[in-house]
Amino acid sequence: MPNVVDLRRRAQAWQNQFDAVAPKEGDLAPDFELLDVNGENLGRISDFRGRKPIALIFGSYT
C-alpha cells in the first residue's frame, strides 16, 4: 500500500505534467459539444461566444 508521501509525490508529478497545457484565466474555453438535459440536441460552447458569460457546473448530486 502506498504511503502518503508517495501519493503526494505522484499527485504533484501529475499536476506538473498537465498544468502547462491547462487553460489559464482569461483564455477562451476549448470548444466542445454536450447534449441538452433531454439528451436530444447538441450544443457547442462556441455557440455562446460573444454572449453573456455562462457557468458550467459538473458534479454528482446523489
PDB file of N, CA and C in Angstrom:
ATOM      1  N   MET A   1       0.849  -1.182   0.000  1.00  0.00           N
ATOM      2  CA  MET A   1       0.000   0.000   0.000  1.00  0.00           C
ATOM      3  C   MET A   1       0.897   1.249   0.000  1.00  0.00           C
ATOM      4  N   PRO A   2       0.656   2.180  -0.937  1.00  0.00           N
ATOM      5  CA  PRO A   2       1.498   3.385  -0.993  1.00  0.00           C
ATOM      6  C   PRO A   2       1.289   4.265   0.240  1.00  0.00           C
ATOM      7  N   ASN A   3       2.351   4.927   0.647  1.00  0.00           N
ATOM      8  CA  ASN A   3       2.220   5.821   1.796  1.00  0.00           C
ATOM      9  C   ASN A   3       1.831   7.224   1.326  1.00  0.00           C
ATOM     10  N   VAL A   4       1.533   8.085   2.249  1.00  0.00           N
ATOM     11  CA  VAL A   4       1.056   9.434   1.953  1.00  0.00           C
ATOM     12  C   VAL A   4       2.095  10.239   1.179  1.00  0.00           C
ATOM     13  N   VAL A   5       3.357  10.089   1.538  1.00  0.00           N
ATOM     14  CA  VAL A   5       4.416  10.837   0.857  1.00  0.00           C
ATOM     15  C   VAL A   5       4.496  10.416  -0.605  1.00  0.00           C
ATOM     16  N   ASP A   6       4.402   9.121  -0.871  1.00  0.00           N
ATOM     17  CA  ASP A   6       4.441   8.624  -2.245  1.00  0.00           C
ATOM     18  C   ASP A   6       3.225   9.108  -3.037  1.00  0.00           C
ATOM     19  N   LEU A   7       2.060   9.070  -2.433  1.00  0.00           N
ATOM     20  CA  LEU A   7       0.851   9.549  -3.108  1.00  0.00           C
ATOM     21  C   LEU A   7       0.948  11.036  -3.427  1.00  0.00           C
ATOM     22  N   ARG A   8       1.481  11.805  -2.498  1.00  0.00           N
ATOM     23  CA  ARG A   8       1.650  13.246  -2.711  1.00  0.00           C
ATOM     24  C   ARG A   8       2.635  13.512  -3.844  1.00  0.00           C
ATOM     25  N   ARG A   9       3.711  12.763  -3.878  1.00  0.00           N
ATOM     26  CA  ARG A   9       4.724  12.910  -4.921  1.00  0.00           C
ATOM     27  C   ARG A   9       4.127  12.574  -6.294  1.00  0.00           C
ATOM     28  N   ARG A  10       3.331  11.520  -6.362  1.00  0.00           N
ATOM     29  CA  ARG A  10       2.694  11.139  -7.627  1.00  0.00           C
ATOM     30  C   ARG A  10       1.666  12.184  -8.060  1.00  0.00           C
ATOM     31  N   ALA A  11       0.929  12.733  -7.134  1.00  0.00           N
ATOM     32  CA  ALA A  11      -0.054  13.771  -7.459  1.00  0.00           C
ATOM     33  C   ALA A  11       0.639  15.030  -7.959  1.00  0.00           C
ATOM     34  N   GLN A  12       1.746  15.402  -7.336  1.00  0.00           N
ATOM     35  CA  GLN A  12       2.499  16.588  -7.752  1.00  0.00           C
ATOM     36  C   GLN A  12       3.083  16.383  -9.149  1.00  0.00           C
ATOM     37  N   ALA A  13       3.567  15.191  -9.465  1.00  0.00           N
ATOM     38  CA  ALA A  13       4.101  14.906 -10.797  1.00  0.00           C
ATOM     39  C   ALA A  13       3.001  15.029 -11.845  1.00  0.00           C
ATOM     40  N   TRP A  14       1.806  14.510 -11.535  1.00  0.00           N
ATOM     41  CA  TRP A  14       0.669  14.623 -12.464  1.00  0.00           C
ATOM     42  C   TRP A  14       0.310  16.083 -12.679  1.00  0.00           C
ATOM     43  N   GLN A  15       0.243  16.855 -11.616  1.00  0.00           N
ATOM     44  CA  GLN A  15      -0.103  18.266 -11.719  1.00  0.00           C
ATOM     45  C   GLN A  15       0.933  19.028 -12.537  1.00  0.00           C
ATOM     46  N   ASN A  16       2.211  18.768 -12.307  1.00  0.00           N
ATOM     47  CA  ASN A  16       3.267  19.429 -13.068  1.00  0.00           C
ATOM     48  C   ASN A  16       3.170  19.105 -14.551  1.00  0.00           C
ATOM     49  N   GLN A  17       2.796  17.873 -14.871  1.00  0.00           N
ATOM     50  CA  GLN A  17       2.683  17.459 -16.272  1.00  0.00           C
ATOM     51  C   GLN A  17       1.545  18.187 -16.981  1.00  0.00           C
ATOM     52  N   PHE A  18       0.406  18.345 -16.324  1.00  0.00           N
ATOM     53  CA  PHE A  18      -0.773  18.865 -17.001  1.00  0.00           C
ATOM     54  C   PHE A  18      -1.036  20.350 -16.778  1.00  0.00           C
ATOM     55  N   ASP A  19      -0.402  20.978 -15.790  1.00  0.00           N
ATOM     56  CA  ASP A  19      -0.589  22.414 -15.579  1.00  0.00           C
ATOM     57  C   ASP A  19      -0.145  23.239 -16.783  1.00  0.00           C
ATOM     58  N   ALA A  20       0.888  22.790 -17.462  1.00  0.00           N
ATOM     59  CA  ALA A  20       1.419  23.547 -18.602  1.00  0.00           C
ATOM     60  C   ALA A  20       0.395  23.665 -19.737  1.00  0.00           C
ATOM     61  N   VAL A  21      -0.474  22.697 -19.890  1.00  0.00           N
ATOM     62  CA  VAL A  21      -1.435  22.716 -21.001  1.00  0.00           C
ATOM     63  C   VAL A  21      -2.849  23.097 -20.549  1.00  0.00           C
ATOM     64  N   ALA A  22      -3.035  23.311 -19.254  1.00  0.00           N
ATOM     65  CA  ALA A  22      -4.354  23.677 -18.739  1.00  0.00           C
ATOM     66  C   ALA A  22      -4.696  25.109 -19.140  1.00  0.00           C
ATOM     67  N   PRO A  23      -5.989  25.386 -19.435  1.00  0.00           N
ATOM     68  CA  PRO A  23      -6.379  26.767 -19.738  1.00  0.00           C
ATOM     69  C   PRO A  23      -6.087  27.685 -18.556  1.00  0.00           C
ATOM     70  N   LYS A  24      -5.691  28.891 -18.862  1.00  0.00           N
ATOM     71  CA  LYS A  24      -5.394  29.891 -17.834  1.00  0.00           C
ATOM     72  C   LYS A  24      -6.531  30.911 -17.767  1.00  0.00           C
ATOM     73  N   GLU A  25      -6.594  31.648 -16.686  1.00  0.00           N
ATOM     74  CA  GLU A  25      -7.608  32.687 -16.536  1.00  0.00           C
ATOM     75  C   GLU A  25      -7.518  33.641 -17.719  1.00  0.00           C
ATOM     76  N   GLY A  26      -8.657  33.907 -18.344  1.00  0.00           N
ATOM     77  CA  GLY A  26      -8.716  34.807 -19.482  1.00  0.00           C
ATOM     78  C   GLY A  26      -8.626  34.102 -20.827  1.00  0.00           C
ATOM     79  N   ASP A  27      -8.215  32.827 -20.848  1.00  0.00           N
ATOM     80  CA  ASP A  27      -8.172  32.065 -22.097  1.00  0.00           C
ATOM     81  C   ASP A  27      -9.586  31.720 -22.545  1.00  0.00           C
ATOM     82  N   LEU A  28      -9.770  31.561 -23.850  1.00  0.00           N
ATOM     83  CA  LEU A  28     -11.051  31.074 -24.353  1.00  0.00           C
ATOM     84  C   LEU A  28     -11.201  29.608 -23.959  1.00  0.00           C
ATOM     85  N   ALA A  29     -12.419  29.236 -23.627  1.00  0.00           N
ATOM     86  CA  ALA A  29     -12.680  27.837 -23.293  1.00  0.00           C
ATOM     87  C   ALA A  29     -12.523  26.989 -24.551  1.00  0.00           C
ATOM     88  N   PRO A  30     -11.959  25.797 -24.426  1.00  0.00           N
ATOM     89  CA  PRO A  30     -11.875  24.921 -25.594  1.00  0.00           C
ATOM     90  C   PRO A  30     -13.282  24.550 -26.054  1.00  0.00           C
ATOM     91  N   ASP A  31     -13.452  24.444 -27.355  1.00  0.00           N
ATOM     92  CA  ASP A  31     -14.775  24.128 -27.897  1.00  0.00           C
ATOM     93  C   ASP A  31     -15.111  22.657 -27.632  1.00  0.00           C
ATOM     94  N   PHE A  32     -16.345  22.390 -27.238  1.00  0.00           N
ATOM     95  CA  PHE A  32     -16.814  21.026 -27.060  1.00  0.00           C
ATOM     96  C   PHE A  32     -18.323  21.001 -27.207  1.00  0.00           C
ATOM     97  N   GLU A  33     -18.878  19.812 -27.364  1.00  0.00           N
ATOM     98  CA  GLU A  33     -20.318  19.626 -27.529  1.00  0.00           C
ATOM     99  C   GLU A  33     -20.873  18.843 -26.345  1.00  0.00           C
ATOM    100  N   LEU A  34     -22.101  19.171 -25.976  1.00  0.00           N
ATOM    101  CA  LEU A  34     -22.832  18.426 -24.948  1.00  0.00           C
ATOM    102  C   LEU A  34     -24.273  18.289 -25.386  1.00  0.00           C
ATOM    103  N   LEU A  35     -24.906  17.211 -24.971  1.00  0.00           N
ATOM    104  CA  LEU A  35     -26.340  17.055 -25.214  1.00  0.00           C
ATOM    105  C   LEU A  35     -27.115  17.863 -24.190  1.00  0.00           C
ATOM    106  N   ASP A  36     -28.310  18.312 -24.574  1.00  0.00           N
ATOM    107  CA  ASP A  36     -29.146  19.043 -23.626  1.00  0.00           C
ATOM    108  C   ASP A  36     -29.658  18.090 -22.547  1.00  0.00           C
ATOM    109  N   VAL A  37     -30.396  18.619 -21.582  1.00  0.00           N
ATOM    110  CA  VAL A  37     -30.838  17.807 -20.443  1.00  0.00           C
ATOM    111  C   VAL A  37     -31.754  16.660 -20.859  1.00  0.00           C
ATOM    112  N   ASN A  38     -32.375  16.760 -22.030  1.00  0.00           N
ATOM    113  CA  ASN A  38     -33.236  15.686 -22.531  1.00  0.00           C
ATOM    114  C   ASN A  38     -32.460  14.680 -23.376  1.00  0.00           C
ATOM    115  N   GLY A  39     -31.187  14.954 -23.630  1.00  0.00           N
ATOM    116  CA  GLY A  39     -30.364  14.059 -24.424  1.00  0.00           C
ATOM    117  C   GLY A  39     -30.699  14.081 -25.902  1.00  0.00           C
ATOM    118  N   GLU A  40     -31.272  15.187 -26.377  1.00  0.00           N
ATOM    119  CA  GLU A  40     -31.747  15.231 -27.756  1.00  0.00           C
ATOM    120  C   GLU A  40     -30.941  16.161 -28.657  1.00  0.00           C
ATOM    121  N   ASN A  41     -30.565  17.333 -28.195  1.00  0.00           N
ATOM    122  CA  ASN A  41     -29.930  18.332 -29.044  1.00  0.00           C
ATOM    123  C   ASN A  41     -28.512  18.617 -28.581  1.00  0.00           C
ATOM    124  N   LEU A  42     -27.604  18.683 -29.574  1.00  0.00           N
ATOM    125  CA  LEU A  42     -26.220  19.024 -29.257  1.00  0.00           C
ATOM    126  C   LEU A  42     -26.062  20.530 -29.157  1.00  0.00           C
ATOM    127  N   GLY A  43     -25.291  20.970 -28.194  1.00  0.00           N
ATOM    128  CA  GLY A  43     -24.947  22.374 -28.074  1.00  0.00           C
ATOM    129  C   GLY A  43     -23.443  22.497 -27.982  1.00  0.00           C
ATOM    130  N   ARG A  44     -22.891  23.523 -28.589  1.00  0.00           N
ATOM    131  CA  ARG A  44     -21.450  23.775 -28.546  1.00  0.00           C
ATOM    132  C   ARG A  44     -21.184  24.995 -27.682  1.00  0.00           C
ATOM    133  N   ILE A  45     -20.093  24.972 -26.976  1.00  0.00           N
ATOM    134  CA  ILE A  45     -19.712  26.122 -26.160  1.00  0.00           C
ATOM    135  C   ILE A  45     -19.469  27.336 -27.051  1.00  0.00           C
ATOM    136  N   SER A  46     -18.954  27.107 -28.265  1.00  0.00           N
ATOM    137  CA  SER A  46     -18.671  28.223 -29.174  1.00  0.00           C
ATOM    138  C   SER A  46     -19.949  28.929 -29.624  1.00  0.00           C
ATOM    139  N   ASP A  47     -21.094  28.275 -29.520  1.00  0.00           N
ATOM    140  CA  ASP A  47     -22.371  28.923 -29.859  1.00  0.00           C
ATOM    141  C   ASP A  47     -22.676  30.083 -28.921  1.00  0.00           C
ATOM    142  N   PHE A  48     -22.034  30.109 -27.752  1.00  0.00           N
ATOM    143  CA  PHE A  48     -22.316  31.130 -26.751  1.00  0.00           C
ATOM    144  C   PHE A  48     -21.262  32.237 -26.696  1.00  0.00           C
ATOM    145  N   ARG A  49     -20.225  32.140 -27.520  1.00  0.00           N
ATOM    146  CA  ARG A  49     -19.182  33.178 -27.524  1.00  0.00           C
ATOM    147  C   ARG A  49     -19.777  34.499 -27.964  1.00  0.00           C
ATOM    148  N   GLY A  50     -19.368  35.565 -27.282  1.00  0.00           N
ATOM    149  CA  GLY A  50     -19.888  36.889 -27.590  1.00  0.00           C
ATOM    150  C   GLY A  50     -21.173  37.216 -26.843  1.00  0.00           C
ATOM    151  N   ARG A  51     -21.718  36.249 -26.131  1.00  0.00           N
ATOM    152  CA  ARG A  51     -22.917  36.481 -25.315  1.00  0.00           C
ATOM    153  C   ARG A  51     -22.499  36.671 -23.866  1.00  0.00           C
ATOM    154  N   LYS A  52     -23.479  36.831 -23.007  1.00  0.00           N
ATOM    155  CA  LYS A  52     -23.183  36.958 -21.581  1.00  0.00           C
ATOM    156  C   LYS A  52     -22.479  35.701 -21.091  1.00  0.00           C
ATOM    157  N   PRO A  53     -21.653  35.821 -20.062  1.00  0.00           N
ATOM    158  CA  PRO A  53     -20.928  34.656 -19.542  1.00  0.00           C
ATOM    159  C   PRO A  53     -21.872  33.563 -19.060  1.00  0.00           C
ATOM    160  N   ILE A  54     -21.413  32.332 -19.172  1.00  0.00           N
ATOM    161  CA  ILE A  54     -22.162  31.191 -18.673  1.00  0.00           C
ATOM    162  C   ILE A  54     -21.272  30.427 -17.705  1.00  0.00           C
ATOM    163  N   ALA A  55     -21.880  29.634 -16.865  1.00  0.00           N
ATOM    164  CA  ALA A  55     -21.121  28.795 -15.946  1.00  0.00           C
ATOM    165  C   ALA A  55     -21.523  27.344 -16.189  1.00  0.00           C
ATOM    166  N   LEU A  56     -20.550  26.476 -16.279  1.00  0.00           N
ATOM    167  CA  LEU A  56     -20.805  25.049 -16.404  1.00  0.00           C
ATOM    168  C   LEU A  56     -20.483  24.408 -15.065  1.00  0.00           C
ATOM    169  N   ILE A  57     -21.423  23.650 -14.550  1.00  0.00           N
ATOM    170  CA  ILE A  57     -21.237  23.029 -13.256  1.00  0.00           C
ATOM    171  C   ILE A  57     -21.374  21.524 -13.437  1.00  0.00           C
ATOM    172  N   PHE A  58     -20.329  20.809 -13.063  1.00  0.00           N
ATOM    173  CA  PHE A  58     -20.329  19.368 -13.166  1.00  0.00           C
ATOM    174  C   PHE A  58     -20.246  18.800 -11.761  1.00  0.00           C
ATOM    175  N   GLY A  59     -20.956  17.700 -11.546  1.00  0.00           N
ATOM    176  CA  GLY A  59     -20.864  17.085 -10.246  1.00  0.00           C
ATOM    177  C   GLY A  59     -21.882  15.982 -10.092  1.00  0.00           C
ATOM    178  N   SER A  60     -21.779  15.295  -9.015  1.00  0.00           N
ATOM    179  CA  SER A  60     -22.715  14.245  -8.686  1.00  0.00           C
ATOM    180  C   SER A  60     -23.604  14.742  -7.550  1.00  0.00           C
ATOM    181  N   TYR A  61     -24.869  14.676  -7.757  1.00  0.00           N
ATOM    182  CA  TYR A  61     -25.809  15.195  -6.757  1.00  0.00           C
ATOM    183  C   TYR A  61     -26.597  14.057  -6.121  1.00  0.00           C
ATOM    184  N   THR A  62     -25.936  12.918  -5.960  1.00  0.00           N
ATOM    185  CA  THR A  62     -26.628  11.771  -5.360  1.00  0.00           C
ATOM    186  C   THR A  62     -26.270  11.636  -3.907  1.00  0.00           C
TER     187      THR A  62
END
